[in-house]
Amino acid sequence: MEYVQGRVATLHDLADPVPAAPVDRAAVVIPMAERDCLSEAASRVLRTLERLGPDRVVIPLRAPAERVGPVREWLATYDLRIELLWCDGPRVTDLLADAGLDGARGKGRDVWLGVGRAADSEFVVVHDADTTTYDESFVRRLLFPLGRGYEFSKGYYARVENERLYGRLFRLFYVPLVRTLLDAHPEPFLQYLDSFRYALAGEFAATAATARRIRMPRRWGLEVGTLGDVFDVAGFSGTAQVDLGRYEHDHRGVDGAEGLSAMSRSVGKTLLRSVLDHGVDVDFDTLEARYRATAERLVDQYELDAAFNGFEFDRGHEREQVSRYAEAVAAPTGPDDRLPAWTDAPLGADAVADAAAADVVEAADAAVSEPAAASPTEAGE
């Protein structure tokens, strides 16, 4: 347990706090992919929110049409003001295309759509649906600084489970890359990025005014891309980070299309593009080698910390991950995939909400009217 303050105001879990906070003036955005729907973890989140009573809950849903009806019925069982925002419906797709915003689909795009709608409330909270340790303190803790005049609040927690250190993309990619850049360029923006205990946490809260001014990458660069704009909007003085205590959710493998290696490329591209946007002159010819050296030193420190706690630690696997992540340490190429801030967007959030609502009704009605498949007996077999 510690209580050290840094450049960003840090709220520590010293007494298991459940502070008073403006929950009734906040919209909670919970992006859900198909795997989250009707899950026990998501059910726990919604049952907890019933007790909290937020202004409303916005669910940006990424799922095929046949899942929309069952999800709508499931959400209707909760005593909450819930708005289901189907992100993959035809009307929403056409609306984004007409605005020149069609492109890759991912969590960042879904959150952007949800935040646009949620920003009608005074405050916006964003968190995942797969948290198995969710309790009512999380939303209250995230909102507490906003009730005290701060503009943005970031959650943090220790990714420690089963006597092992997790949070690998943060520990082995984000931290050494940011510190490598900071060693060569002691700029305020890099100091800001280095201030966060867990910068890749998906849990944050913001005033609606701040939320409307944030650009969001379409996919996994969401968390670091958000911080890039929050620095410009809120800065050190308007930012807080909050200890959410014990926080457990799904772990990813390193390989595969949804693995940490693929995520590192998206996170790295967004991070380095943001660094360049803030005027840092990066020496990309030497950056990878310098990143590797920093990451190797951190692996030594993590190994010592794990041994101190009697945890299992696979040094070879950690070093292998550093090598995989090093492939993402390169000058960003290709188009900027950040979606515009809602203050600058070429469409309105209300138009998106209307399109999504019509898509939900159509998908649900189509599922109800679709004839059931004939059984073998009915088919004359």
Protein backbone atom coordinates (compact mmCIF):
# COMPACT_ATOMS: atom_id res chain seq x y z
CA MET A 1 0.00 0.00 0.00
CA GLU A 2 1.31 3.45 -0.89
CA TYR A 3 0.04 7.01 -1.17
CA VAL A 4 2.55 8.76 -3.47
CA GLN A 5 1.26 11.59 -5.67
CA GLY A 6 2.70 12.39 -9.08
CA ARG A 7 1.98 14.92 -11.82
CA VAL A 8 -1.51 13.43 -12.22
CA ALA A 9 -3.74 13.43 -9.12
CA THR A 10 -3.82 9.84 -7.86
CA LEU A 11 -6.63 8.45 -5.71
CA HIS A 12 -5.49 5.42 -3.73
CA ASP A 13 -7.49 2.54 -2.32
CA LEU A 14 -6.42 3.00 1.29
CA ALA A 15 -9.71 2.18 3.02
CA ASP A 16 -11.82 0.30 0.44
CA PRO A 17 -13.73 3.51 -0.38
CA VAL A 18 -17.18 3.71 -1.95
CA PRO A 19 -17.34 7.51 -2.19
CA ALA A 20 -20.35 9.70 -2.84
CA ALA A 21 -20.41 10.62 -6.53
CA PRO A 22 -22.81 12.11 -9.12
CA VAL A 23 -23.99 8.72 -10.41
CA ASP A 24 -27.52 9.98 -11.15
CA ARG A 25 -26.04 12.55 -13.58
CA ALA A 26 -23.90 10.04 -15.46
CA ALA A 27 -24.41 7.80 -18.46
CA VAL A 28 -22.51 4.50 -18.36
CA VAL A 29 -21.23 3.18 -21.70
CA ILE A 30 -20.59 -0.58 -21.80
CA PRO A 31 -19.40 -1.82 -25.21
CA MET A 32 -20.36 -5.43 -25.86
CA ALA A 33 -19.15 -7.85 -28.48
CA GLU A 34 -21.12 -11.01 -29.24
CA ARG A 35 -19.15 -13.00 -26.67
CA ASP A 36 -20.26 -10.63 -23.88
CA CYS A 37 -23.99 -10.92 -24.52
CA LEU A 38 -25.94 -12.80 -21.85
CA SER A 39 -22.68 -13.70 -20.08
CA GLU A 40 -22.53 -14.01 -16.30
CA ALA A 41 -19.93 -11.23 -16.09
CA ALA A 42 -22.13 -8.82 -18.07
CA SER A 43 -25.15 -9.83 -15.99
CA ARG A 44 -23.24 -9.01 -12.83
CA VAL A 45 -22.35 -5.59 -14.20
CA LEU A 46 -25.97 -4.78 -15.03
CA ARG A 47 -27.30 -6.07 -11.70
CA THR A 48 -24.81 -3.85 -9.92
CA LEU A 49 -25.85 -0.83 -11.99
CA GLU A 50 -29.47 -1.46 -11.01
CA ARG A 51 -28.47 -0.75 -7.42
CA LEU A 52 -26.49 2.35 -8.42
CA GLY A 53 -29.18 4.00 -10.56
CA PRO A 54 -27.20 5.96 -13.19
CA ASP A 55 -28.98 8.43 -15.44
CA ARG A 56 -28.85 5.79 -18.21
CA VAL A 57 -26.83 2.97 -19.69
CA VAL A 58 -25.74 2.89 -23.33
CA ILE A 59 -24.80 -0.50 -24.80
CA PRO A 60 -22.91 -0.24 -28.12
CA LEU A 61 -23.36 -3.75 -29.54
CA ARG A 62 -21.12 -5.42 -32.14
CA ALA A 63 -22.95 -8.60 -33.14
CA PRO A 64 -24.76 -10.21 -36.09
CA ALA A 65 -28.42 -9.43 -36.75
CA GLU A 66 -29.73 -12.71 -35.32
CA ARG A 67 -28.33 -11.82 -31.88
CA VAL A 68 -29.98 -8.42 -31.63
CA GLY A 69 -33.45 -9.65 -30.63
CA PRO A 70 -32.25 -11.94 -27.82
CA VAL A 71 -29.94 -9.23 -26.51
CA ARG A 72 -32.77 -6.68 -26.50
CA GLU A 73 -35.01 -9.10 -24.58
CA TRP A 74 -32.22 -9.81 -22.09
CA LEU A 75 -31.54 -6.13 -21.47
CA ALA A 76 -35.25 -5.49 -20.90
CA THR A 77 -35.13 -7.70 -17.79
CA TYR A 78 -33.04 -5.10 -15.93
CA ASP A 79 -34.53 -2.15 -14.06
CA LEU A 80 -32.39 0.37 -15.89
CA ARG A 81 -32.86 3.01 -18.55
CA ILE A 82 -30.91 1.13 -21.24
CA GLU A 83 -30.33 2.21 -24.82
CA LEU A 84 -29.16 -0.56 -27.16
CA LEU A 85 -27.01 0.94 -29.91
CA TRP A 86 -26.46 -1.73 -32.57
CA CYS A 87 -23.23 -0.63 -34.26
CA ASP A 88 -23.47 -3.05 -37.21
CA GLY A 89 -26.97 -2.27 -38.47
CA PRO A 90 -27.54 -1.26 -42.12
CA ARG A 91 -28.83 2.23 -41.35
CA VAL A 92 -25.91 3.03 -39.06
CA THR A 93 -23.50 1.64 -41.65
CA ASP A 94 -25.02 3.78 -44.40
CA LEU A 95 -25.08 6.86 -42.18
CA LEU A 96 -21.37 6.52 -41.40
CA ALA A 97 -20.55 5.89 -45.05
CA ASP A 98 -22.47 8.98 -46.17
CA ALA A 99 -20.46 11.01 -43.63
CA GLY A 100 -17.18 9.59 -44.93
CA LEU A 101 -16.63 7.63 -41.71
CA ASP A 102 -16.97 4.07 -42.93
CA GLY A 103 -13.96 1.88 -42.24
CA ALA A 104 -12.66 -0.73 -39.81
CA ARG A 105 -15.00 -1.89 -37.08
CA GLY A 106 -13.71 -2.43 -33.58
CA LYS A 107 -14.06 -1.55 -29.93
CA GLY A 108 -12.89 2.03 -30.43
CA ARG A 109 -15.52 2.73 -33.05
CA ASP A 110 -18.22 1.20 -30.82
CA VAL A 111 -17.16 3.31 -27.81
CA TRP A 112 -17.10 6.43 -30.00
CA LEU A 113 -20.68 5.77 -31.10
CA GLY A 114 -21.74 5.14 -27.50
CA VAL A 115 -19.99 8.21 -26.11
CA GLY A 116 -21.67 10.40 -28.70
CA ARG A 117 -25.05 9.29 -27.42
CA ALA A 118 -24.07 9.25 -23.73
CA ALA A 119 -22.75 12.82 -23.83
CA ASP A 120 -26.31 14.10 -23.45
CA SER A 121 -25.79 13.37 -19.74
CA GLU A 122 -23.51 15.55 -17.62
CA PHE A 123 -20.87 12.84 -17.13
CA VAL A 124 -19.83 9.77 -19.11
CA VAL A 125 -18.36 6.56 -17.70
CA VAL A 126 -16.88 3.88 -19.96
CA HIS A 127 -15.94 0.38 -18.89
CA ASP A 128 -15.90 -3.20 -20.19
CA ALA A 129 -18.56 -5.87 -19.73
CA ASP A 130 -16.27 -8.80 -18.91
CA THR A 131 -15.14 -7.79 -15.42
CA THR A 132 -15.71 -10.71 -13.05
CA THR A 133 -14.96 -8.65 -9.90
CA TYR A 134 -17.25 -5.72 -10.71
CA ASP A 135 -18.88 -3.93 -7.78
CA GLU A 136 -20.64 -0.63 -7.17
CA SER A 137 -17.48 1.14 -6.04
CA PHE A 138 -16.04 1.20 -9.58
CA VAL A 139 -18.44 3.74 -11.07
CA ARG A 140 -18.44 5.82 -7.89
CA ARG A 141 -14.64 5.93 -7.78
CA LEU A 142 -14.35 6.92 -11.44
CA LEU A 143 -16.92 9.70 -11.03
CA PHE A 144 -15.65 11.06 -7.71
CA PRO A 145 -12.95 13.38 -9.16
CA LEU A 146 -15.42 14.77 -11.71
CA GLY A 147 -17.70 15.85 -8.88
CA ARG A 148 -14.70 17.76 -7.49
CA GLY A 149 -13.93 19.74 -10.65
CA TYR A 150 -11.71 17.38 -12.62
CA GLU A 151 -12.45 16.77 -16.30
CA PHE A 152 -11.12 13.24 -16.82
CA SER A 153 -10.63 10.22 -14.59
CA LYS A 154 -8.70 7.06 -15.53
CA GLY A 155 -9.01 3.76 -13.69
CA TYR A 156 -6.00 1.67 -12.68
CA TYR A 157 -5.44 -1.64 -10.93
CA ALA A 158 -2.84 -4.37 -10.54
CA ARG A 159 -3.20 -7.16 -13.11
CA VAL A 160 -2.21 -9.91 -10.68
CA GLU A 161 -4.06 -13.23 -10.65
CA ASN A 162 -3.22 -16.79 -9.64
CA GLU A 163 0.18 -15.64 -8.32
CA ARG A 164 1.26 -14.35 -11.72
CA LEU A 165 1.86 -10.90 -13.21
CA TYR A 166 -0.42 -10.05 -16.13
CA GLY A 167 -0.93 -6.70 -17.87
CA ARG A 168 1.74 -7.82 -20.31
CA LEU A 169 1.07 -5.34 -23.12
CA PHE A 170 1.30 -2.48 -20.65
CA ARG A 171 4.31 -3.81 -18.73
CA LEU A 172 6.36 -5.03 -21.67
CA PHE A 173 5.34 -2.70 -24.50
CA TYR A 174 3.72 0.57 -23.45
CA VAL A 175 5.88 1.36 -20.40
CA PRO A 176 9.30 0.65 -21.94
CA LEU A 177 8.37 2.41 -25.18
CA VAL A 178 7.14 5.56 -23.41
CA ARG A 179 10.14 5.61 -21.08
CA THR A 180 12.53 5.14 -23.99
CA LEU A 181 10.98 8.13 -25.70
CA LEU A 182 10.94 10.14 -22.48
CA ASP A 183 14.65 9.48 -21.84
CA ALA A 184 15.47 11.18 -25.13
CA HIS A 185 12.71 13.79 -25.07
CA PRO A 186 11.65 15.07 -21.60
CA GLU A 187 8.55 16.70 -23.07
CA PRO A 188 5.39 17.37 -21.02
CA PHE A 189 3.30 15.12 -23.28
CA LEU A 190 5.56 12.12 -22.69
CA GLN A 191 5.66 12.91 -18.97
CA TYR A 192 1.87 12.81 -19.06
CA LEU A 193 1.79 9.40 -20.76
CA ASP A 194 4.31 8.11 -18.19
CA SER A 195 2.17 9.31 -15.28
CA PHE A 196 -0.48 6.60 -15.51
CA ARG A 197 -0.32 3.49 -13.36
CA TYR A 198 -2.16 1.47 -16.02
CA ALA A 199 -2.55 3.53 -19.17
CA LEU A 200 -4.13 0.69 -21.15
CA ALA A 201 -7.04 0.25 -18.75
CA GLY A 202 -10.34 0.60 -20.58
CA GLU A 203 -12.13 2.22 -17.63
CA PHE A 204 -12.47 6.00 -17.62
CA ALA A 205 -14.91 8.80 -16.89
CA ALA A 206 -15.13 12.30 -18.30
CA THR A 207 -17.34 15.34 -18.27
CA ALA A 208 -19.61 15.35 -21.30
CA ALA A 209 -17.85 18.47 -22.58
CA THR A 210 -14.49 16.67 -22.48
CA ALA A 211 -15.87 13.45 -23.94
CA ARG A 212 -17.19 15.35 -26.97
CA ARG A 213 -13.69 16.70 -27.70
CA ILE A 214 -11.84 13.38 -27.79
CA ARG A 215 -10.91 11.60 -31.02
CA MET A 216 -10.98 7.82 -30.75
CA PRO A 217 -9.09 5.22 -32.79
CA ARG A 218 -11.31 2.55 -34.27
CA ARG A 219 -9.68 -0.47 -32.68
CA TRP A 220 -7.21 -1.34 -29.91
CA GLY A 221 -5.44 2.00 -29.83
CA LEU A 222 -8.51 3.41 -28.07
CA GLU A 223 -6.98 3.83 -24.60
CA VAL A 224 -3.73 5.51 -25.59
CA GLY A 225 -5.41 7.54 -28.34
CA THR A 226 -7.86 8.87 -25.78
CA LEU A 227 -5.01 9.99 -23.52
CA GLY A 228 -3.40 11.83 -26.40
CA ASP A 229 -6.40 14.12 -26.77
CA VAL A 230 -7.16 14.35 -23.05
CA PHE A 231 -3.70 15.88 -22.55
CA ASP A 232 -4.70 18.71 -24.88
CA VAL A 233 -8.19 19.13 -23.40
CA ALA A 234 -7.64 18.61 -19.66
CA GLY A 235 -3.87 18.48 -19.11
CA PHE A 236 -2.21 17.49 -15.85
CA SER A 237 -4.40 19.73 -13.72
CA GLY A 238 -7.70 18.35 -15.04
CA THR A 239 -6.75 14.67 -14.93
CA ALA A 240 -7.01 12.14 -12.11
CA GLN A 241 -6.36 8.41 -11.89
CA VAL A 242 -8.28 6.19 -9.52
CA ASP A 243 -7.41 2.87 -7.90
CA LEU A 244 -10.22 0.43 -8.68
CA GLY A 245 -8.84 -2.22 -6.35
CA ARG A 246 -9.17 -5.86 -7.35
CA TYR A 247 -10.11 -6.02 -11.01
CA GLU A 248 -10.17 -9.24 -13.02
CA HIS A 249 -11.25 -9.86 -16.59
CA ASP A 250 -10.35 -11.97 -19.60
CA HIS A 251 -6.75 -12.55 -20.65
CA ARG A 252 -5.56 -12.74 -24.25
CA GLY A 253 -2.94 -14.94 -25.81
CA VAL A 254 0.03 -13.40 -27.58
CA ASP A 255 -0.66 -14.86 -31.03
CA GLY A 256 -3.65 -14.74 -33.36
CA ALA A 257 -5.74 -12.02 -34.94
CA GLU A 258 -7.08 -10.94 -31.53
CA GLY A 259 -3.85 -11.56 -29.60
CA LEU A 260 -1.48 -9.20 -27.83
CA SER A 261 0.99 -9.14 -30.70
CA ALA A 262 -1.68 -7.80 -33.06
CA MET A 263 -2.81 -5.37 -30.38
CA SER A 264 0.74 -4.07 -29.97
CA ARG A 265 0.80 -3.00 -33.61
CA SER A 266 -2.41 -1.02 -33.22
CA VAL A 267 -1.40 0.49 -29.88
CA GLY A 268 2.09 1.31 -31.14
CA LYS A 269 0.82 3.00 -34.28
CA THR A 270 -1.63 5.14 -32.34
CA LEU A 271 0.90 5.98 -29.61
CA LEU A 272 3.68 6.97 -31.98
CA ARG A 273 1.35 8.95 -34.23
CA SER A 274 0.17 10.90 -31.18
CA VAL A 275 3.77 11.48 -30.09
CA LEU A 276 4.62 12.89 -33.52
CA ASP A 277 1.47 15.03 -33.47
CA HIS A 278 2.75 16.61 -30.25
CA GLY A 279 5.96 17.74 -31.90
CA VAL A 280 8.39 15.07 -30.66
CA ASP A 281 11.17 14.38 -33.19
CA VAL A 282 11.61 10.61 -32.86
CA ASP A 283 14.77 8.86 -34.08
CA PHE A 284 13.11 5.77 -35.52
CA ASP A 285 16.45 4.36 -36.74
CA THR A 286 17.49 3.63 -33.16
CA LEU A 287 14.13 3.44 -31.38
CA GLU A 288 13.64 -0.32 -31.57
CA ALA A 289 17.07 -1.10 -30.11
CA ARG A 290 16.56 1.44 -27.33
CA TYR A 291 13.11 0.03 -26.59
CA ARG A 292 14.53 -3.50 -26.31
CA ALA A 293 17.19 -2.35 -23.84
CA THR A 294 14.60 -0.59 -21.66
CA ALA A 295 12.24 -3.57 -21.80
CA GLU A 296 15.03 -6.00 -20.82
CA ARG A 297 15.79 -3.92 -17.73
CA LEU A 298 12.14 -3.97 -16.79
CA VAL A 299 11.98 -7.76 -17.21
CA ASP A 300 14.81 -7.99 -14.64
CA GLN A 301 12.79 -5.82 -12.25
CA TYR A 302 9.58 -7.80 -12.76
CA GLU A 303 11.47 -11.03 -12.16
CA LEU A 304 12.79 -9.66 -8.87
CA ASP A 305 9.33 -8.46 -7.83
CA ALA A 306 7.77 -11.82 -8.70
CA ALA A 307 10.41 -13.68 -6.70
CA PHE A 308 9.87 -11.34 -3.75
CA ASN A 309 6.18 -12.31 -3.74
CA GLY A 310 6.78 -15.99 -4.42
CA PHE A 311 5.08 -15.74 -7.84
CA GLU A 312 5.72 -17.86 -10.91
CA PHE A 313 7.75 -15.99 -13.53
CA ASP A 314 8.77 -17.25 -16.97
CA ARG A 315 11.68 -15.01 -17.94
CA GLY A 316 12.11 -16.64 -21.34
CA HIS A 317 8.46 -16.08 -22.24
CA GLU A 318 8.64 -12.44 -21.12
CA ARG A 319 11.71 -11.82 -23.28
CA GLU A 320 10.03 -13.56 -26.22
CA GLN A 321 7.08 -11.21 -25.88
CA VAL A 322 9.43 -8.21 -25.91
CA SER A 323 10.84 -9.46 -29.21
CA ARG A 324 7.35 -9.82 -30.65
CA TYR A 325 6.29 -6.37 -29.50
CA ALA A 326 9.49 -4.84 -30.88
CA GLU A 327 8.09 -5.47 -34.36
CA ALA A 328 5.52 -2.74 -33.62
CA VAL A 329 8.18 -0.13 -32.81
CA ALA A 330 8.28 1.68 -36.15
CA ALA A 331 7.20 4.91 -37.74
CA PRO A 332 3.41 4.91 -38.19
CA THR A 333 2.25 4.46 -41.75
CA GLY A 334 -1.09 4.50 -43.51
CA PRO A 335 -4.10 6.71 -42.84
CA ASP A 336 -4.97 8.07 -39.43
CA ASP A 337 -7.84 5.85 -38.21
CA ARG A 338 -9.01 8.16 -35.44
CA LEU A 339 -12.66 9.09 -35.57
CA PRO A 340 -13.36 12.81 -35.16
CA ALA A 341 -14.31 14.42 -31.90
CA TRP A 342 -18.08 14.74 -31.70
CA THR A 343 -17.65 18.52 -31.63
CA ASP A 344 -16.22 18.25 -35.17
CA ALA A 345 -18.11 15.22 -36.51
CA PRO A 346 -19.93 15.55 -39.86
CA LEU A 347 -23.04 13.88 -38.37
CA GLY A 348 -25.02 14.13 -35.18
CA ALA A 349 -25.20 11.62 -32.36
CA ASP A 350 -29.01 11.83 -32.41
CA ALA A 351 -29.07 10.74 -36.05
CA VAL A 352 -26.92 7.73 -35.15
CA ALA A 353 -29.22 6.86 -32.25
CA ASP A 354 -32.33 7.07 -34.46
CA ALA A 355 -30.72 4.88 -37.12
CA ALA A 356 -29.57 2.34 -34.54
CA ALA A 357 -33.01 2.18 -32.93
CA ALA A 358 -34.65 1.48 -36.29
CA ASP A 359 -32.05 -1.18 -37.04
CA VAL A 360 -32.70 -2.89 -33.70
CA VAL A 361 -36.46 -3.03 -34.29
CA GLU A 362 -36.03 -4.36 -37.81
CA ALA A 363 -33.54 -7.05 -36.76
CA ALA A 364 -35.66 -8.16 -33.80
CA ASP A 365 -38.86 -8.27 -35.87
CA ALA A 366 -37.15 -10.23 -38.63
CA ALA A 367 -36.00 -12.84 -36.14
CA VAL A 368 -39.53 -13.22 -34.74
CA SER A 369 -41.18 -13.54 -38.18
CA GLU A 370 -38.62 -15.98 -39.54
CA PRO A 371 -40.22 -19.46 -39.70
CA ALA A 372 -38.68 -22.13 -37.53
CA ALA A 373 -36.77 -24.86 -39.30
CA ALA A 374 -38.85 -28.00 -39.86
CA SER A 375 -38.10 -30.98 -37.68
CA PRO A 376 -37.16 -34.29 -39.37
CA THR A 377 -40.70 -35.61 -38.66
CA GLU A 378 -42.37 -32.55 -40.15
CA ALA A 379 -40.15 -32.89 -43.21
CA GLY A 380 -41.43 -36.44 -43.75
CA GLU A 381 -38.23 -38.18 -42.78
